[in-house]
């Protein structure tokens, strides 16, 4: 059994969200999305993605 990755790369997350990699990087830069930097690489743990998506759902639901 292989270990399951506990993080997204910018590329993988932009594919999941169907947005640009720059948008994901900007969210990290603006501290709206938790992330880790390993050298120049950005890794986004699943828990931060879950938190961000849940927050966005709450904001969207309030607007309806």
C-alpha atoms as a PDB file:
ATOM      1  CA  UNK A   1       0.000   0.000   0.000  1.00  0.00           C
ATOM      2  CA  UNK A   2       1.375   3.422  -0.953  1.00  0.00           C
ATOM      3  CA  UNK A   3       1.121   6.405   1.336  1.00  0.00           C
ATOM      4  CA  UNK A   4      -1.615   8.838   0.344  1.00  0.00           C
ATOM      5  CA  UNK A   5      -0.457  12.417  -0.171  1.00  0.00           C
ATOM      6  CA  UNK A   6      -1.650  14.753   2.561  1.00  0.00           C
ATOM      7  CA  UNK A   7      -1.161  17.901   0.522  1.00  0.00           C
ATOM      8  CA  UNK A   8      -1.904  19.483  -2.847  1.00  0.00           C
ATOM      9  CA  UNK A   9       0.558  21.089  -5.182  1.00  0.00           C
ATOM     10  CA  UNK A  10      -0.468  24.408  -6.724  1.00  0.00           C
ATOM     11  CA  UNK A  11      -1.045  22.597 -10.009  1.00  0.00           C
ATOM     12  CA  UNK A  12      -3.224  19.865  -8.468  1.00  0.00           C
ATOM     13  CA  UNK A  13      -5.323  22.360  -6.520  1.00  0.00           C
ATOM     14  CA  UNK A  14      -5.804  24.658  -9.509  1.00  0.00           C
ATOM     15  CA  UNK A  15      -7.006  21.632 -11.475  1.00  0.00           C
ATOM     16  CA  UNK A  16      -9.422  20.652  -8.671  1.00  0.00           C
ATOM     17  CA  UNK A  17     -10.826  24.188  -8.471  1.00  0.00           C
ATOM     18  CA  UNK A  18     -10.630  24.800 -12.235  1.00  0.00           C
ATOM     19  CA  UNK A  19      -8.710  28.033 -11.771  1.00  0.00           C
ATOM     20  CA  UNK A  20      -5.226  29.260 -12.588  1.00  0.00           C
ATOM     21  CA  UNK A  21      -2.139  28.414 -10.596  1.00  0.00           C
ATOM     22  CA  UNK A  22      -1.650  32.144 -10.120  1.00  0.00           C
ATOM     23  CA  UNK A  23      -5.001  32.368  -8.339  1.00  0.00           C
ATOM     24  CA  UNK A  24      -3.931  29.638  -5.886  1.00  0.00           C
ATOM     25  CA  UNK A  25      -0.547  31.339  -5.359  1.00  0.00           C
ATOM     26  CA  UNK A  26      -2.290  34.678  -4.728  1.00  0.00           C
ATOM     27  CA  UNK A  27      -4.557  33.096  -2.097  1.00  0.00           C
ATOM     28  CA  UNK A  28      -1.442  31.773  -0.369  1.00  0.00           C
ATOM     29  CA  UNK A  29       0.377  35.099  -0.672  1.00  0.00           C
ATOM     30  CA  UNK A  30      -2.629  36.975   0.739  1.00  0.00           C
ATOM     31  CA  UNK A  31      -2.811  34.427   3.597  1.00  0.00           C
ATOM     32  CA  UNK A  32      -6.332  33.423   2.645  1.00  0.00           C
ATOM     33  CA  UNK A  33      -5.239  29.815   2.134  1.00  0.00           C
ATOM     34  CA  UNK A  34      -2.970  28.032   4.587  1.00  0.00           C
ATOM     35  CA  UNK A  35       0.110  26.489   3.028  1.00  0.00           C
ATOM     36  CA  UNK A  36       3.674  25.311   3.593  1.00  0.00           C
ATOM     37  CA  UNK A  37       6.746  26.441   1.727  1.00  0.00           C
ATOM     38  CA  UNK A  38       9.475  23.932   1.055  1.00  0.00           C
ATOM     39  CA  UNK A  39      12.181  26.009  -0.536  1.00  0.00           C
ATOM     40  CA  UNK A  40      10.418  27.712  -3.425  1.00  0.00           C
ATOM     41  CA  UNK A  41       7.684  25.051  -3.578  1.00  0.00           C
ATOM     42  CA  UNK A  42       4.222  25.562  -2.148  1.00  0.00           C
ATOM     43  CA  UNK A  43       2.312  22.661  -0.608  1.00  0.00           C
ATOM     44  CA  UNK A  44      -1.246  23.037   0.620  1.00  0.00           C
ATOM     45  CA  UNK A  45      -2.335  20.498   3.250  1.00  0.00           C
ATOM     46  CA  UNK A  46      -5.758  18.937   2.726  1.00  0.00           C
ATOM     47  CA  UNK A  47      -7.019  20.374   6.012  1.00  0.00           C
ATOM     48  CA  UNK A  48      -6.428  23.943   4.789  1.00  0.00           C
ATOM     49  CA  UNK A  49      -8.229  23.212   1.527  1.00  0.00           C
ATOM     50  CA  UNK A  50     -11.178  21.772   3.470  1.00  0.00           C
ATOM     51  CA  UNK A  51     -11.261  24.842   5.742  1.00  0.00           C
ATOM     52  CA  UNK A  52     -11.139  27.247   2.777  1.00  0.00           C
ATOM     53  CA  UNK A  53     -13.841  25.394   0.839  1.00  0.00           C
ATOM     54  CA  UNK A  54     -16.118  25.236   3.905  1.00  0.00           C
ATOM     55  CA  UNK A  55     -15.648  28.956   4.492  1.00  0.00           C
ATOM     56  CA  UNK A  56     -16.472  29.712   0.858  1.00  0.00           C
ATOM     57  CA  UNK A  57     -19.647  27.596   1.092  1.00  0.00           C
ATOM     58  CA  UNK A  58     -20.762  29.518   4.185  1.00  0.00           C
ATOM     59  CA  UNK A  59     -20.141  32.861   2.462  1.00  0.00           C
ATOM     60  CA  UNK A  60     -21.980  31.692  -0.655  1.00  0.00           C
ATOM     61  CA  UNK A  61     -24.942  30.379   1.338  1.00  0.00           C
ATOM     62  CA  UNK A  62     -25.278  33.695   3.216  1.00  0.00           C
ATOM     63  CA  UNK A  63     -25.543  35.512  -0.113  1.00  0.00           C
ATOM     64  CA  UNK A  64     -28.506  33.399  -1.254  1.00  0.00           C
END
